[in-house]
């Protein structure tokens, strides 16, 4: 289950980068902000997974 979560989080981060890039390319500030928010959310989730891994060891 944890591996699936890590993959989902990475996919969310990559999707956020794509959204941010498209937002910049099209001058869509809202889409760019959504992309940044997606990346931040994914990074927070990834940090949580790392903490879980530390306590499992």
PDB file of N, CA and C in Angstrom:
ATOM      1  N   UNK A   1       0.821  -1.194   0.000  1.00  0.00           N
ATOM      2  CA  UNK A   1       0.000   0.000   0.000  1.00  0.00           C
ATOM      3  C   UNK A   1       0.865   1.257   0.000  1.00  0.00           C
ATOM      4  N   UNK A   2       1.909   1.290   0.755  1.00  0.00           N
ATOM      5  CA  UNK A   2       2.750   2.483   0.821  1.00  0.00           C
ATOM      6  C   UNK A   2       3.385   2.790  -0.535  1.00  0.00           C
ATOM      7  N   UNK A   3       3.778   1.738  -1.269  1.00  0.00           N
ATOM      8  CA  UNK A   3       4.375   1.966  -2.587  1.00  0.00           C
ATOM      9  C   UNK A   3       3.365   2.625  -3.514  1.00  0.00           C
ATOM     10  N   UNK A   4       2.116   2.163  -3.467  1.00  0.00           N
ATOM     11  CA  UNK A   4       1.061   2.768  -4.291  1.00  0.00           C
ATOM     12  C   UNK A   4       0.876   4.239  -3.948  1.00  0.00           C
ATOM     13  N   UNK A   5       0.928   4.557  -2.661  1.00  0.00           N
ATOM     14  CA  UNK A   5       0.789   5.950  -2.233  1.00  0.00           C
ATOM     15  C   UNK A   5       1.928   6.798  -2.784  1.00  0.00           C
ATOM     16  N   UNK A   6       3.142   6.238  -2.753  1.00  0.00           N
ATOM     17  CA  UNK A   6       4.302   6.977  -3.248  1.00  0.00           C
ATOM     18  C   UNK A   6       4.166   7.247  -4.744  1.00  0.00           C
ATOM     19  N   UNK A   7       3.683   6.255  -5.479  1.00  0.00           N
ATOM     20  CA  UNK A   7       3.497   6.414  -6.923  1.00  0.00           C
ATOM     21  C   UNK A   7       2.420   7.473  -7.190  1.00  0.00           C
ATOM     22  N   UNK A   8       1.323   7.399  -6.457  1.00  0.00           N
ATOM     23  CA  UNK A   8       0.245   8.383  -6.625  1.00  0.00           C
ATOM     24  C   UNK A   8       0.736   9.799  -6.323  1.00  0.00           C
ATOM     25  N   UNK A   9       1.527   9.933  -5.264  1.00  0.00           N
ATOM     26  CA  UNK A   9       2.044  11.248  -4.896  1.00  0.00           C
ATOM     27  C   UNK A   9       2.986  11.798  -5.962  1.00  0.00           C
ATOM     28  N   UNK A  10       3.816  10.924  -6.507  1.00  0.00           N
ATOM     29  CA  UNK A  10       4.748  11.357  -7.561  1.00  0.00           C
ATOM     30  C   UNK A  10       3.966  11.775  -8.813  1.00  0.00           C
ATOM     31  N   UNK A  11       2.921  11.015  -9.133  1.00  0.00           N
ATOM     32  CA  UNK A  11       2.091  11.351 -10.288  1.00  0.00           C
ATOM     33  C   UNK A  11       1.410  12.705 -10.090  1.00  0.00           C
ATOM     34  N   UNK A  12       0.956  12.957  -8.866  1.00  0.00           N
ATOM     35  CA  UNK A  12       0.327  14.245  -8.564  1.00  0.00           C
ATOM     36  C   UNK A  12       1.337  15.380  -8.714  1.00  0.00           C
ATOM     37  N   UNK A  13       2.566  15.141  -8.272  1.00  0.00           N
ATOM     38  CA  UNK A  13       3.605  16.156  -8.396  1.00  0.00           C
ATOM     39  C   UNK A  13       3.907  16.458  -9.868  1.00  0.00           C
ATOM     40  N   UNK A  14       4.038  15.408 -10.664  1.00  0.00           N
ATOM     41  CA  UNK A  14       4.329  15.585 -12.089  1.00  0.00           C
ATOM     42  C   UNK A  14       3.163  16.297 -12.778  1.00  0.00           C
ATOM     43  N   UNK A  15       1.945  15.898 -12.436  1.00  0.00           N
ATOM     44  CA  UNK A  15       0.766  16.558 -12.999  1.00  0.00           C
ATOM     45  C   UNK A  15       0.740  18.039 -12.654  1.00  0.00           C
ATOM     46  N   UNK A  16       1.156  18.357 -11.432  1.00  0.00           N
ATOM     47  CA  UNK A  16       1.217  19.759 -11.011  1.00  0.00           C
ATOM     48  C   UNK A  16       2.230  20.539 -11.810  1.00  0.00           C
ATOM     49  N   UNK A  17       3.358  19.896 -12.104  1.00  0.00           N
ATOM     50  CA  UNK A  17       4.386  20.574 -12.905  1.00  0.00           C
ATOM     51  C   UNK A  17       3.874  20.840 -14.321  1.00  0.00           C
ATOM     52  N   UNK A  18       3.134  19.883 -14.857  1.00  0.00           N
ATOM     53  CA  UNK A  18       2.560  20.056 -16.195  1.00  0.00           C
ATOM     54  C   UNK A  18       1.556  21.204 -16.183  1.00  0.00           C
ATOM     55  N   UNK A  19       0.664  21.206 -15.187  1.00  0.00           N
ATOM     56  CA  UNK A  19      -0.331  22.286 -15.071  1.00  0.00           C
ATOM     57  C   UNK A  19       0.356  23.638 -14.968  1.00  0.00           C
ATOM     58  N   UNK A  20       1.384  23.700 -14.127  1.00  0.00           N
ATOM     59  CA  UNK A  20       2.099  24.964 -13.951  1.00  0.00           C
ATOM     60  C   UNK A  20       2.721  25.416 -15.268  1.00  0.00           C
ATOM     61  N   UNK A  21       3.325  24.489 -15.995  1.00  0.00           N
ATOM     62  CA  UNK A  21       3.941  24.821 -17.278  1.00  0.00           C
ATOM     63  C   UNK A  21       2.940  25.300 -18.305  1.00  0.00           C
ATOM     64  N   UNK A  22       1.803  24.619 -18.368  1.00  0.00           N
ATOM     65  CA  UNK A  22       0.754  25.025 -19.311  1.00  0.00           C
ATOM     66  C   UNK A  22       0.210  26.394 -18.907  1.00  0.00           C
ATOM     67  N   UNK A  23       0.048  26.602 -17.607  1.00  0.00           N
ATOM     68  CA  UNK A  23      -0.426  27.900 -17.129  1.00  0.00           C
ATOM     69  C   UNK A  23       0.515  29.028 -17.501  1.00  0.00           C
ATOM     70  N   UNK A  24       1.818  28.776 -17.356  1.00  0.00           N
ATOM     71  CA  UNK A  24       2.805  29.797 -17.733  1.00  0.00           C
ATOM     72  C   UNK A  24       2.773  30.054 -19.234  1.00  0.00           C
ATOM     73  N   UNK A  25       2.681  28.969 -20.011  1.00  0.00           N
ATOM     74  CA  UNK A  25       2.713  29.101 -21.471  1.00  0.00           C
ATOM     75  C   UNK A  25       1.492  29.832 -22.010  1.00  0.00           C
ATOM     76  N   UNK A  26       0.363  29.681 -21.342  1.00  0.00           N
ATOM     77  CA  UNK A  26      -0.874  30.285 -21.823  1.00  0.00           C
ATOM     78  C   UNK A  26      -1.264  31.542 -21.049  1.00  0.00           C
ATOM     79  N   UNK A  27      -0.393  31.982 -20.154  1.00  0.00           N
ATOM     80  CA  UNK A  27      -0.680  33.151 -19.300  1.00  0.00           C
ATOM     81  C   UNK A  27      -1.935  32.955 -18.467  1.00  0.00           C
ATOM     82  N   UNK A  28      -2.175  31.725 -18.026  1.00  0.00           N
ATOM     83  CA  UNK A  28      -3.323  31.411 -17.180  1.00  0.00           C
ATOM     84  C   UNK A  28      -2.823  31.301 -15.738  1.00  0.00           C
ATOM     85  N   UNK A  29      -2.932  32.401 -15.004  1.00  0.00           N
ATOM     86  CA  UNK A  29      -2.400  32.454 -13.644  1.00  0.00           C
ATOM     87  C   UNK A  29      -3.097  31.461 -12.716  1.00  0.00           C
ATOM     88  N   UNK A  30      -4.389  31.247 -12.928  1.00  0.00           N
ATOM     89  CA  UNK A  30      -5.134  30.312 -12.076  1.00  0.00           C
ATOM     90  C   UNK A  30      -4.627  28.884 -12.276  1.00  0.00           C
ATOM     91  N   UNK A  31      -4.424  28.478 -13.509  1.00  0.00           N
ATOM     92  CA  UNK A  31      -3.920  27.134 -13.796  1.00  0.00           C
ATOM     93  C   UNK A  31      -2.505  26.967 -13.249  1.00  0.00           C
ATOM     94  N   UNK A  32      -1.702  28.011 -13.384  1.00  0.00           N
ATOM     95  CA  UNK A  32      -0.339  27.976 -12.851  1.00  0.00           C
ATOM     96  C   UNK A  32      -0.370  27.803 -11.325  1.00  0.00           C
ATOM     97  N   UNK A  33      -1.251  28.537 -10.667  1.00  0.00           N
ATOM     98  CA  UNK A  33      -1.381  28.432  -9.205  1.00  0.00           C
ATOM     99  C   UNK A  33      -1.874  27.048  -8.791  1.00  0.00           C
ATOM    100  N   UNK A  34      -2.819  26.486  -9.551  1.00  0.00           N
ATOM    101  CA  UNK A  34      -3.310  25.134  -9.255  1.00  0.00           C
ATOM    102  C   UNK A  34      -2.175  24.122  -9.366  1.00  0.00           C
ATOM    103  N   UNK A  35      -1.336  24.286 -10.365  1.00  0.00           N
ATOM    104  CA  UNK A  35      -0.196  23.403 -10.551  1.00  0.00           C
ATOM    105  C   UNK A  35       0.764  23.470  -9.376  1.00  0.00           C
ATOM    106  N   UNK A  36       1.037  24.670  -8.916  1.00  0.00           N
ATOM    107  CA  UNK A  36       1.922  24.844  -7.766  1.00  0.00           C
ATOM    108  C   UNK A  36       1.293  24.228  -6.516  1.00  0.00           C
ATOM    109  N   UNK A  37      -0.016  24.405  -6.355  1.00  0.00           N
ATOM    110  CA  UNK A  37      -0.711  23.830  -5.197  1.00  0.00           C
ATOM    111  C   UNK A  37      -0.669  22.308  -5.239  1.00  0.00           C
ATOM    112  N   UNK A  38      -0.850  21.731  -6.418  1.00  0.00           N
ATOM    113  CA  UNK A  38      -0.780  20.271  -6.565  1.00  0.00           C
ATOM    114  C   UNK A  38       0.606  19.758  -6.173  1.00  0.00           C
ATOM    115  N   UNK A  39       1.637  20.473  -6.600  1.00  0.00           N
ATOM    116  CA  UNK A  39       3.002  20.074  -6.277  1.00  0.00           C
ATOM    117  C   UNK A  39       3.247  20.148  -4.770  1.00  0.00           C
ATOM    118  N   UNK A  40       2.774  21.206  -4.149  1.00  0.00           N
ATOM    119  CA  UNK A  40       2.947  21.366  -2.708  1.00  0.00           C
ATOM    120  C   UNK A  40       2.236  20.255  -1.957  1.00  0.00           C
ATOM    121  N   UNK A  41       1.021  19.961  -2.371  1.00  0.00           N
ATOM    122  CA  UNK A  41       0.257  18.888  -1.745  1.00  0.00           C
ATOM    123  C   UNK A  41       0.980  17.551  -1.866  1.00  0.00           C
ATOM    124  N   UNK A  42       1.484  17.270  -3.035  1.00  0.00           N
ATOM    125  CA  UNK A  42       2.206  16.014  -3.262  1.00  0.00           C
ATOM    126  C   UNK A  42       3.469  15.955  -2.415  1.00  0.00           C
ATOM    127  N   UNK A  43       4.167  17.065  -2.297  1.00  0.00           N
ATOM    128  CA  UNK A  43       5.394  17.093  -1.497  1.00  0.00           C
ATOM    129  C   UNK A  43       5.101  16.860  -0.019  1.00  0.00           C
ATOM    130  N   UNK A  44       4.010  17.405   0.473  1.00  0.00           N
ATOM    131  CA  UNK A  44       3.626  17.186   1.871  1.00  0.00           C
ATOM    132  C   UNK A  44       3.291  15.710   2.090  1.00  0.00           C
ATOM    133  N   UNK A  45       2.564  15.133   1.150  1.00  0.00           N
ATOM    134  CA  UNK A  45       2.218  13.715   1.266  1.00  0.00           C
ATOM    135  C   UNK A  45       3.470  12.839   1.214  1.00  0.00           C
ATOM    136  N   UNK A  46       4.413  13.201   0.352  1.00  0.00           N
ATOM    137  CA  UNK A  46       5.660  12.439   0.247  1.00  0.00           C
ATOM    138  C   UNK A  46       6.449  12.527   1.551  1.00  0.00           C
ATOM    139  N   UNK A  47       6.452  13.682   2.171  1.00  0.00           N
ATOM    140  CA  UNK A  47       7.147  13.838   3.453  1.00  0.00           C
ATOM    141  C   UNK A  47       6.505  12.942   4.505  1.00  0.00           C
ATOM    142  N   UNK A  48       5.182  12.864   4.496  1.00  0.00           N
ATOM    143  CA  UNK A  48       4.481  11.984   5.425  1.00  0.00           C
ATOM    144  C   UNK A  48       4.849  10.531   5.220  1.00  0.00           C
ATOM    145  N   UNK A  49       4.985  10.123   3.969  1.00  0.00           N
ATOM    146  CA  UNK A  49       5.379   8.743   3.665  1.00  0.00           C
ATOM    147  C   UNK A  49       6.795   8.472   4.156  1.00  0.00           C
ATOM    148  N   UNK A  50       7.674   9.453   4.014  1.00  0.00           N
ATOM    149  CA  UNK A  50       9.056   9.279   4.481  1.00  0.00           C
ATOM    150  C   UNK A  50       9.096   9.118   5.996  1.00  0.00           C
ATOM    151  N   UNK A  51       8.284   9.892   6.681  1.00  0.00           N
ATOM    152  CA  UNK A  51       8.221   9.782   8.153  1.00  0.00           C
ATOM    153  C   UNK A  51       7.713   8.402   8.545  1.00  0.00           C
ATOM    154  N   UNK A  52       6.693   7.919   7.868  1.00  0.00           N
ATOM    155  CA  UNK A  52       6.180   6.570   8.135  1.00  0.00           C
ATOM    156  C   UNK A  52       7.277   5.541   7.944  1.00  0.00           C
ATOM    157  N   UNK A  53       8.043   5.690   6.862  1.00  0.00           N
ATOM    158  CA  UNK A  53       9.124   4.742   6.577  1.00  0.00           C
ATOM    159  C   UNK A  53      10.183   4.735   7.679  1.00  0.00           C
ATOM    160  N   UNK A  54      10.470   5.912   8.218  1.00  0.00           N
ATOM    161  CA  UNK A  54      11.470   6.011   9.289  1.00  0.00           C
ATOM    162  C   UNK A  54      11.012   5.227  10.512  1.00  0.00           C
ATOM    163  N   UNK A  55       9.743   5.361  10.860  1.00  0.00           N
ATOM    164  CA  UNK A  55       9.244   4.684  12.053  1.00  0.00           C
ATOM    165  C   UNK A  55       9.036   3.180  11.840  1.00  0.00           C
ATOM    166  N   UNK A  56       8.939   2.751  10.599  1.00  0.00           N
ATOM    167  CA  UNK A  56       8.822   1.320  10.306  1.00  0.00           C
ATOM    168  C   UNK A  56      10.154   0.608  10.450  1.00  0.00           C
ATOM    169  N   UNK A  57      11.239   1.353  10.279  1.00  0.00           N
ATOM    170  CA  UNK A  57      12.588   0.740  10.307  1.00  0.00           C
ATOM    171  C   UNK A  57      13.005   0.318  11.675  1.00  0.00           C
TER     172      UNK A  57
END
